[in-house]
Amino acid sequence: MIFESHAHYDDEAFDGDREELLGSLRERGIGTVVNVCAAVDGLDDTVRLMEQYPFVYGAIGVHPDEVGSMDAQVLEKIQTLSRHPKAVAIGEIGLDYHWDTESHDTQKKWFCAQMEIARQEKKPFIIHSRDAAEDTLRTMKELRAGDMYGGVIHCFSYSVEIAREYLDMGLYLGIGGVLTFPNGKKLKEVAAYAPLEQILLETDSPYLSPVPNRGKRNSSLNLPYIAKELANIKGITYDQVVDITENNARKLFGL
């Protein structure tokens, strides 16, 4: 079954049909979901989803656009919640220079602080990096991230050259709906280059729906479109993509 490595089912976009949608996933071929926290007020919501649904696991962390809400107390809460038996990663954390909602120094401070929790708690990390390729890679190297407990560069959007750096560190690349976009040439090149054994499937729901549903609310039900496109690029079967990426995710998240 397909392993959804990155979704945000605590998002208000699912308030109208969350229970119905999540209840339908397994019968539609989606076996496991990692719900990834982004905001401080989503920490408890992610825990509730983990506890309500046997197939939902959680990543605990605060997105770079939201770190203005961070303080020592929130950091302590992240560390405490990361010890929940169904918490499988610290994330999503990182740098986002697209919107510049928070200063670069503030983003780096809380990125490093949350990475330290991943180190202390022996958890993999889920990295968000948008328009911040150089600083993210430099920070990862300074933190010796490749010597930690694994991780994924979520929604990978950079070049083959940068992909190589992360792959050489033993990290995974999260591949989502952009792979199906006509203008997604750069990601297609990365997908062709990266070993399938270092790729995870993700949707980033409710964002980034793949073709043919581009522009609509995304959900894990769209994962087959991504898997089929990846199979075409790799010249292998759909089932091979599903099986290998599921094994990758289970290995990374310790499931």
C-alpha atoms as a PDB file:
ATOM      1  CA  MET A   1       0.000   0.000   0.000  1.00  0.00           C
ATOM      2  CA  ILE A   2       1.111   3.572  -0.624  1.00  0.00           C
ATOM      3  CA  PHE A   3       2.882   5.341   2.225  1.00  0.00           C
ATOM      4  CA  GLU A   4       1.960   9.030   2.513  1.00  0.00           C
ATOM      5  CA  SER A   5       5.062  10.590   4.044  1.00  0.00           C
ATOM      6  CA  HIS A   6       3.830  14.188   4.338  1.00  0.00           C
ATOM      7  CA  ALA A   7       0.294  15.536   4.792  1.00  0.00           C
ATOM      8  CA  HIS A   8      -1.409  18.197   6.910  1.00  0.00           C
ATOM      9  CA  TYR A   9      -4.775  16.732   7.908  1.00  0.00           C
ATOM     10  CA  ASP A  10      -4.931  19.091  10.882  1.00  0.00           C
ATOM     11  CA  ASP A  11      -5.331  21.931   8.341  1.00  0.00           C
ATOM     12  CA  GLU A  12      -8.661  23.789   8.322  1.00  0.00           C
ATOM     13  CA  ALA A  13      -9.090  22.808   4.652  1.00  0.00           C
ATOM     14  CA  PHE A  14     -10.239  19.417   5.951  1.00  0.00           C
ATOM     15  CA  ASP A  15     -12.636  20.672   8.617  1.00  0.00           C
ATOM     16  CA  GLY A  16     -15.682  19.771   6.517  1.00  0.00           C
ATOM     17  CA  ASP A  17     -14.865  16.135   5.728  1.00  0.00           C
ATOM     18  CA  ARG A  18     -11.758  15.094   7.669  1.00  0.00           C
ATOM     19  CA  GLU A  19     -13.282  12.021   9.304  1.00  0.00           C
ATOM     20  CA  GLU A  20     -14.897  10.778   6.101  1.00  0.00           C
ATOM     21  CA  LEU A  21     -11.738  11.312   4.046  1.00  0.00           C
ATOM     22  CA  LEU A  22      -9.344   9.696   6.517  1.00  0.00           C
ATOM     23  CA  GLY A  23     -11.773   6.827   6.990  1.00  0.00           C
ATOM     24  CA  SER A  24     -11.677   6.095   3.251  1.00  0.00           C
ATOM     25  CA  LEU A  25      -7.909   6.049   2.734  1.00  0.00           C
ATOM     26  CA  ARG A  26      -7.052   2.459   3.535  1.00  0.00           C
ATOM     27  CA  GLU A  27      -9.758   1.017   1.307  1.00  0.00           C
ATOM     28  CA  ARG A  28      -8.382   3.253  -1.470  1.00  0.00           C
ATOM     29  CA  GLY A  29      -4.858   1.856  -1.153  1.00  0.00           C
ATOM     30  CA  ILE A  30      -3.248   4.397   1.220  1.00  0.00           C
ATOM     31  CA  GLY A  31      -1.820   2.311   4.037  1.00  0.00           C
ATOM     32  CA  THR A  32       0.037   4.756   6.290  1.00  0.00           C
ATOM     33  CA  VAL A  33       0.056   8.535   6.744  1.00  0.00           C
ATOM     34  CA  VAL A  34       2.509  10.823   8.503  1.00  0.00           C
ATOM     35  CA  ASN A  35       0.681  13.969   9.571  1.00  0.00           C
ATOM     36  CA  VAL A  36       3.258  16.728   9.702  1.00  0.00           C
ATOM     37  CA  CYS A  37       2.803  19.593  12.123  1.00  0.00           C
ATOM     38  CA  ALA A  38       3.542  23.085  10.818  1.00  0.00           C
ATOM     39  CA  ALA A  39       2.219  25.589  13.370  1.00  0.00           C
ATOM     40  CA  VAL A  40       2.350  25.829  17.155  1.00  0.00           C
ATOM     41  CA  ASP A  41      -1.418  25.472  17.388  1.00  0.00           C
ATOM     42  CA  GLY A  42      -1.195  22.316  15.268  1.00  0.00           C
ATOM     43  CA  LEU A  43       0.927  20.390  17.766  1.00  0.00           C
ATOM     44  CA  ASP A  44      -2.007  19.143  19.821  1.00  0.00           C
ATOM     45  CA  ASP A  45      -4.122  18.566  16.691  1.00  0.00           C
ATOM     46  CA  THR A  46      -1.441  16.290  15.261  1.00  0.00           C
ATOM     47  CA  VAL A  47      -1.362  14.293  18.487  1.00  0.00           C
ATOM     48  CA  ARG A  48      -5.166  13.914  18.375  1.00  0.00           C
ATOM     49  CA  LEU A  49      -4.997  12.543  14.833  1.00  0.00           C
ATOM     50  CA  MET A  50      -2.276  10.053  15.814  1.00  0.00           C
ATOM     51  CA  GLU A  51      -4.368   8.844  18.698  1.00  0.00           C
ATOM     52  CA  GLN A  52      -7.629   8.657  16.741  1.00  0.00           C
ATOM     53  CA  TYR A  53      -6.393   6.761  13.667  1.00  0.00           C
ATOM     54  CA  PRO A  54      -4.226   3.623  13.953  1.00  0.00           C
ATOM     55  CA  PHE A  55      -2.585   4.247  10.546  1.00  0.00           C
ATOM     56  CA  VAL A  56      -1.716   7.908  11.215  1.00  0.00           C
ATOM     57  CA  TYR A  57       1.657   8.814  12.705  1.00  0.00           C
ATOM     58  CA  GLY A  58       3.003  12.277  13.433  1.00  0.00           C
ATOM     59  CA  ALA A  59       5.912  14.615  12.902  1.00  0.00           C
ATOM     60  CA  ILE A  60       6.311  17.240  15.597  1.00  0.00           C
ATOM     61  CA  GLY A  61       7.774  20.653  14.793  1.00  0.00           C
ATOM     62  CA  VAL A  62       7.161  24.226  13.636  1.00  0.00           C
ATOM     63  CA  HIS A  63       7.471  25.468  10.035  1.00  0.00           C
ATOM     64  CA  PRO A  64       9.880  28.379   9.402  1.00  0.00           C
ATOM     65  CA  ASP A  65       7.005  30.723   8.514  1.00  0.00           C
ATOM     66  CA  GLU A  66       5.541  30.096  11.975  1.00  0.00           C
ATOM     67  CA  VAL A  67       8.623  30.389  14.201  1.00  0.00           C
ATOM     68  CA  GLY A  68       7.588  33.862  15.370  1.00  0.00           C
ATOM     69  CA  SER A  69       5.358  31.955  17.806  1.00  0.00           C
ATOM     70  CA  MET A  70       8.267  29.954  19.186  1.00  0.00           C
ATOM     71  CA  ASP A  71       9.781  30.319  22.653  1.00  0.00           C
ATOM     72  CA  ALA A  72      11.509  28.081  25.178  1.00  0.00           C
ATOM     73  CA  GLN A  73       8.175  26.710  26.388  1.00  0.00           C
ATOM     74  CA  VAL A  74       7.095  25.687  22.872  1.00  0.00           C
ATOM     75  CA  LEU A  75      10.478  24.099  22.261  1.00  0.00           C
ATOM     76  CA  GLU A  76      10.079  22.083  25.441  1.00  0.00           C
ATOM     77  CA  LYS A  77       6.603  21.006  24.310  1.00  0.00           C
ATOM     78  CA  ILE A  78       7.980  19.822  20.960  1.00  0.00           C
ATOM     79  CA  GLN A  79      10.585  17.737  22.767  1.00  0.00           C
ATOM     80  CA  THR A  80       7.981  16.249  25.105  1.00  0.00           C
ATOM     81  CA  LEU A  81       5.537  15.411  22.293  1.00  0.00           C
ATOM     82  CA  SER A  82       8.344  13.913  20.219  1.00  0.00           C
ATOM     83  CA  ARG A  83       8.436  11.109  22.812  1.00  0.00           C
ATOM     84  CA  HIS A  84       4.861  10.079  22.011  1.00  0.00           C
ATOM     85  CA  PRO A  85       4.938   6.449  20.833  1.00  0.00           C
ATOM     86  CA  LYS A  86       3.490   7.431  17.450  1.00  0.00           C
ATOM     87  CA  ALA A  87       5.686  10.487  16.875  1.00  0.00           C
ATOM     88  CA  VAL A  88       8.115   9.401  14.159  1.00  0.00           C
ATOM     89  CA  ALA A  89       9.997  12.598  13.220  1.00  0.00           C
ATOM     90  CA  ILE A  90      10.775  16.221  14.014  1.00  0.00           C
ATOM     91  CA  GLY A  91       9.226  18.468  11.386  1.00  0.00           C
ATOM     92  CA  GLU A  92       8.525  20.243   9.366  1.00  0.00           C
ATOM     93  CA  ILE A  93      11.421  22.526  10.138  1.00  0.00           C
ATOM     94  CA  GLY A  94      13.860  24.515   8.055  1.00  0.00           C
ATOM     95  CA  LEU A  95      14.146  27.767   6.122  1.00  0.00           C
ATOM     96  CA  ASP A  96      11.719  29.648   3.868  1.00  0.00           C
ATOM     97  CA  TYR A  97      12.972  32.787   2.152  1.00  0.00           C
ATOM     98  CA  HIS A  98      10.079  32.977  -0.321  1.00  0.00           C
ATOM     99  CA  TRP A  99       7.647  34.873   1.887  1.00  0.00           C
ATOM    100  CA  ASP A 100      10.216  36.067   4.448  1.00  0.00           C
ATOM    101  CA  THR A 101       7.526  35.985   7.119  1.00  0.00           C
ATOM    102  CA  GLU A 102      10.250  35.754   9.754  1.00  0.00           C
ATOM    103  CA  SER A 103      13.809  37.086   9.659  1.00  0.00           C
ATOM    104  CA  HIS A 104      16.484  34.745   8.387  1.00  0.00           C
ATOM    105  CA  ASP A 105      18.282  34.824  11.739  1.00  0.00           C
ATOM    106  CA  THR A 106      15.094  33.889  13.585  1.00  0.00           C
ATOM    107  CA  GLN A 107      14.413  31.050  11.177  1.00  0.00           C
ATOM    108  CA  LYS A 108      17.956  29.705  11.556  1.00  0.00           C
ATOM    109  CA  LYS A 109      17.797  29.919  15.350  1.00  0.00           C
ATOM    110  CA  TRP A 110      14.673  27.764  15.627  1.00  0.00           C
ATOM    111  CA  PHE A 111      15.718  25.454  12.794  1.00  0.00           C
ATOM    112  CA  CYS A 112      18.909  24.606  14.677  1.00  0.00           C
ATOM    113  CA  ALA A 113      17.076  24.316  18.005  1.00  0.00           C
ATOM    114  CA  GLN A 114      14.596  21.815  16.569  1.00  0.00           C
ATOM    115  CA  MET A 115      17.365  19.874  14.843  1.00  0.00           C
ATOM    116  CA  GLU A 116      19.005  19.559  18.238  1.00  0.00           C
ATOM    117  CA  ILE A 117      15.818  17.928  19.538  1.00  0.00           C
ATOM    118  CA  ALA A 118      16.013  15.444  16.655  1.00  0.00           C
ATOM    119  CA  ARG A 119      19.587  14.677  17.683  1.00  0.00           C
ATOM    120  CA  GLN A 120      18.783  14.321  21.372  1.00  0.00           C
ATOM    121  CA  GLU A 121      15.663  12.221  20.822  1.00  0.00           C
ATOM    122  CA  LYS A 122      17.259  10.142  18.032  1.00  0.00           C
ATOM    123  CA  LYS A 123      14.505  11.040  15.578  1.00  0.00           C
ATOM    124  CA  PRO A 124      14.651  11.637  11.830  1.00  0.00           C
ATOM    125  CA  PHE A 125      13.881  15.151  10.599  1.00  0.00           C
ATOM    126  CA  ILE A 126      11.613  16.567   7.894  1.00  0.00           C
ATOM    127  CA  ILE A 127      13.144  19.625   6.241  1.00  0.00           C
ATOM    128  CA  HIS A 128      11.275  22.467   4.530  1.00  0.00           C
ATOM    129  CA  SER A 129      13.481  24.586   2.272  1.00  0.00           C
ATOM    130  CA  ARG A 130      12.092  27.156  -0.144  1.00  0.00           C
ATOM    131  CA  ASP A 131      14.259  29.711  -1.953  1.00  0.00           C
ATOM    132  CA  ALA A 132      16.912  28.980   0.672  1.00  0.00           C
ATOM    133  CA  ALA A 133      19.046  26.325  -1.004  1.00  0.00           C
ATOM    134  CA  GLU A 134      22.460  27.643   0.007  1.00  0.00           C
ATOM    135  CA  ASP A 135      21.661  28.441   3.631  1.00  0.00           C
ATOM    136  CA  THR A 136      19.771  25.193   4.188  1.00  0.00           C
ATOM    137  CA  LEU A 137      22.603  23.071   2.829  1.00  0.00           C
ATOM    138  CA  ARG A 138      25.237  25.050   4.740  1.00  0.00           C
ATOM    139  CA  THR A 139      23.261  24.695   7.979  1.00  0.00           C
ATOM    140  CA  MET A 140      22.758  20.979   7.436  1.00  0.00           C
ATOM    141  CA  LYS A 141      26.485  20.517   6.943  1.00  0.00           C
ATOM    142  CA  GLU A 142      27.316  22.611  10.014  1.00  0.00           C
ATOM    143  CA  LEU A 143      24.925  20.476  12.073  1.00  0.00           C
ATOM    144  CA  ARG A 144      26.451  17.282  10.660  1.00  0.00           C
ATOM    145  CA  ALA A 145      22.942  16.204   9.729  1.00  0.00           C
ATOM    146  CA  GLY A 146      24.242  13.206   7.807  1.00  0.00           C
ATOM    147  CA  ASP A 147      25.538  11.791  11.100  1.00  0.00           C
ATOM    148  CA  MET A 148      22.137  12.074  12.781  1.00  0.00           C
ATOM    149  CA  TYR A 149      19.183   9.690  12.552  1.00  0.00           C
ATOM    150  CA  GLY A 150      18.080  10.216   8.971  1.00  0.00           C
ATOM    151  CA  GLY A 151      15.746  12.663   7.352  1.00  0.00           C
ATOM    152  CA  VAL A 152      13.934  13.833   4.252  1.00  0.00           C
ATOM    153  CA  ILE A 153      14.113  17.045   2.258  1.00  0.00           C
ATOM    154  CA  HIS A 154      10.392  17.520   1.838  1.00  0.00           C
ATOM    155  CA  CYS A 155       8.881  18.783  -1.426  1.00  0.00           C
ATOM    156  CA  PHE A 156      12.319  18.829  -3.033  1.00  0.00           C
ATOM    157  CA  SER A 157      12.559  21.711  -5.506  1.00  0.00           C
ATOM    158  CA  TYR A 158      16.238  22.281  -6.232  1.00  0.00           C
ATOM    159  CA  SER A 159      18.762  21.082  -8.822  1.00  0.00           C
ATOM    160  CA  VAL A 160      20.339  17.697  -9.394  1.00  0.00           C
ATOM    161  CA  GLU A 161      23.587  19.113  -7.988  1.00  0.00           C
ATOM    162  CA  ILE A 162      21.956  19.999  -4.666  1.00  0.00           C
ATOM    163  CA  ALA A 163      20.053  16.711  -4.646  1.00  0.00           C
ATOM    164  CA  ARG A 164      23.403  14.923  -4.931  1.00  0.00           C
ATOM    165  CA  GLU A 165      24.646  16.685  -1.790  1.00  0.00           C
ATOM    166  CA  TYR A 166      21.696  15.457   0.249  1.00  0.00           C
ATOM    167  CA  LEU A 167      21.715  11.973  -1.240  1.00  0.00           C
ATOM    168  CA  ASP A 168      25.410  11.677  -0.405  1.00  0.00           C
ATOM    169  CA  MET A 169      24.474  12.524   3.189  1.00  0.00           C
ATOM    170  CA  GLY A 170      22.191   9.485   3.167  1.00  0.00           C
ATOM    171  CA  LEU A 171      18.998  11.557   3.229  1.00  0.00           C
ATOM    172  CA  TYR A 172      15.753  11.041   1.335  1.00  0.00           C
ATOM    173  CA  LEU A 173      13.997  13.334  -1.121  1.00  0.00           C
ATOM    174  CA  GLY A 174      10.242  13.903  -0.779  1.00  0.00           C
ATOM    175  CA  ILE A 175       8.593  13.858  -4.215  1.00  0.00           C
ATOM    176  CA  GLY A 176       5.056  15.185  -4.672  1.00  0.00           C
ATOM    177  CA  GLY A 177       2.578  16.601  -7.145  1.00  0.00           C
ATOM    178  CA  VAL A 178       5.007  19.000  -8.854  1.00  0.00           C
ATOM    179  CA  LEU A 179       6.452  15.910 -10.553  1.00  0.00           C
ATOM    180  CA  THR A 180       3.325  15.781 -12.726  1.00  0.00           C
ATOM    181  CA  PHE A 181       3.364  19.469 -13.730  1.00  0.00           C
ATOM    182  CA  PRO A 182       4.252  20.297 -17.351  1.00  0.00           C
ATOM    183  CA  ASN A 183       6.726  22.885 -16.013  1.00  0.00           C
ATOM    184  CA  GLY A 184       8.225  20.436 -13.496  1.00  0.00           C
ATOM    185  CA  LYS A 185      11.267  19.650 -15.672  1.00  0.00           C
ATOM    186  CA  LYS A 186      13.823  20.257 -12.897  1.00  0.00           C
ATOM    187  CA  LEU A 187      12.082  17.859 -10.500  1.00  0.00           C
ATOM    188  CA  LYS A 188      11.731  15.243 -13.240  1.00  0.00           C
ATOM    189  CA  GLU A 189      15.507  15.433 -13.749  1.00  0.00           C
ATOM    190  CA  VAL A 190      16.055  14.973 -10.012  1.00  0.00           C
ATOM    191  CA  ALA A 191      13.621  12.043  -9.914  1.00  0.00           C
ATOM    192  CA  ALA A 192      15.450  10.387 -12.808  1.00  0.00           C
ATOM    193  CA  TYR A 193      18.812  10.891 -11.074  1.00  0.00           C
ATOM    194  CA  ALA A 194      17.971   9.938  -7.481  1.00  0.00           C
ATOM    195  CA  PRO A 195      18.028   6.253  -6.497  1.00  0.00           C
ATOM    196  CA  LEU A 196      14.479   5.055  -5.897  1.00  0.00           C
ATOM    197  CA  GLU A 197      15.750   3.738  -2.556  1.00  0.00           C
ATOM    198  CA  GLN A 198      16.142   7.362  -1.420  1.00  0.00           C
ATOM    199  CA  ILE A 199      12.758   8.712  -2.536  1.00  0.00           C
ATOM    200  CA  LEU A 200       9.569   9.101  -0.474  1.00  0.00           C
ATOM    201  CA  LEU A 201       6.112   9.780  -1.899  1.00  0.00           C
ATOM    202  CA  GLU A 202       4.188  12.701  -0.437  1.00  0.00           C
ATOM    203  CA  THR A 203       1.312  15.044  -1.242  1.00  0.00           C
ATOM    204  CA  ASP A 204       1.788  17.987   1.151  1.00  0.00           C
ATOM    205  CA  SER A 205      -2.011  17.954   1.356  1.00  0.00           C
ATOM    206  CA  PRO A 206      -3.978  20.168   1.114  1.00  0.00           C
ATOM    207  CA  TYR A 207      -1.413  21.849  -1.180  1.00  0.00           C
ATOM    208  CA  LEU A 208       0.168  21.049  -4.560  1.00  0.00           C
ATOM    209  CA  SER A 209      -2.377  18.704  -6.117  1.00  0.00           C
ATOM    210  CA  PRO A 210      -0.936  16.763  -9.039  1.00  0.00           C
ATOM    211  CA  VAL A 211      -2.247  16.834 -12.587  1.00  0.00           C
ATOM    212  CA  PRO A 212      -5.132  16.168 -13.369  1.00  0.00           C
ATOM    213  CA  ASN A 213      -6.360  17.794 -10.126  1.00  0.00           C
ATOM    214  CA  ARG A 214      -3.957  20.726 -10.073  1.00  0.00           C
ATOM    215  CA  GLY A 215      -5.496  23.747  -8.375  1.00  0.00           C
ATOM    216  CA  LYS A 216      -7.904  21.693  -6.254  1.00  0.00           C
ATOM    217  CA  ARG A 217      -7.523  20.698  -2.631  1.00  0.00           C
ATOM    218  CA  ASN A 218      -4.993  17.906  -2.413  1.00  0.00           C
ATOM    219  CA  SER A 219      -5.340  14.665  -0.452  1.00  0.00           C
ATOM    220  CA  SER A 220      -3.528  11.356  -0.170  1.00  0.00           C
ATOM    221  CA  LEU A 221      -5.993   9.924  -2.704  1.00  0.00           C
ATOM    222  CA  ASN A 222      -3.895  11.687  -5.358  1.00  0.00           C
ATOM    223  CA  LEU A 223      -0.740   9.732  -4.545  1.00  0.00           C
ATOM    224  CA  PRO A 224      -1.277   7.212  -7.392  1.00  0.00           C
ATOM    225  CA  TYR A 225      -0.798  10.002  -9.959  1.00  0.00           C
ATOM    226  CA  ILE A 226       2.613  10.785  -8.454  1.00  0.00           C
ATOM    227  CA  ALA A 227       3.591   7.114  -8.253  1.00  0.00           C
ATOM    228  CA  LYS A 228       2.608   6.542 -11.898  1.00  0.00           C
ATOM    229  CA  GLU A 229       4.652   9.517 -13.081  1.00  0.00           C
ATOM    230  CA  LEU A 230       7.653   8.333 -11.091  1.00  0.00           C
ATOM    231  CA  ALA A 231       7.278   4.839 -12.563  1.00  0.00           C
ATOM    232  CA  ASN A 232       7.266   6.333 -16.069  1.00  0.00           C
ATOM    233  CA  ILE A 233      10.398   8.366 -15.368  1.00  0.00           C
ATOM    234  CA  LYS A 234      12.217   5.392 -13.867  1.00  0.00           C
ATOM    235  CA  GLY A 235      11.013   2.912 -16.484  1.00  0.00           C
ATOM    236  CA  ILE A 236       9.697   0.513 -13.861  1.00  0.00           C
ATOM    237  CA  THR A 237       6.268  -0.658 -12.743  1.00  0.00           C
ATOM    238  CA  TYR A 238       3.840   1.264 -10.577  1.00  0.00           C
ATOM    239  CA  ASP A 239       3.898  -1.573  -8.026  1.00  0.00           C
ATOM    240  CA  GLN A 240       7.685  -1.358  -7.761  1.00  0.00           C
ATOM    241  CA  VAL A 241       7.451   2.358  -6.974  1.00  0.00           C
ATOM    242  CA  VAL A 242       4.773   1.771  -4.346  1.00  0.00           C
ATOM    243  CA  ASP A 243       6.607  -1.123  -2.681  1.00  0.00           C
ATOM    244  CA  ILE A 244      10.067   0.458  -2.612  1.00  0.00           C
ATOM    245  CA  THR A 245       8.925   3.892  -1.432  1.00  0.00           C
ATOM    246  CA  GLU A 246       6.828   2.269   1.291  1.00  0.00           C
ATOM    247  CA  ASN A 247       9.860   0.297   2.455  1.00  0.00           C
ATOM    248  CA  ASN A 248      11.924   3.512   2.388  1.00  0.00           C
ATOM    249  CA  ALA A 249       9.437   5.325   4.598  1.00  0.00           C
ATOM    250  CA  ARG A 250       9.126   2.474   7.049  1.00  0.00           C
ATOM    251  CA  LYS A 251      12.897   2.315   7.330  1.00  0.00           C
ATOM    252  CA  LEU A 252      13.271   6.059   7.867  1.00  0.00           C
ATOM    253  CA  PHE A 253      10.446   6.381  10.383  1.00  0.00           C
ATOM    254  CA  GLY A 254      11.177   3.120  12.193  1.00  0.00           C
ATOM    255  CA  LEU A 255       7.831   1.472  11.456  1.00  0.00           C
END
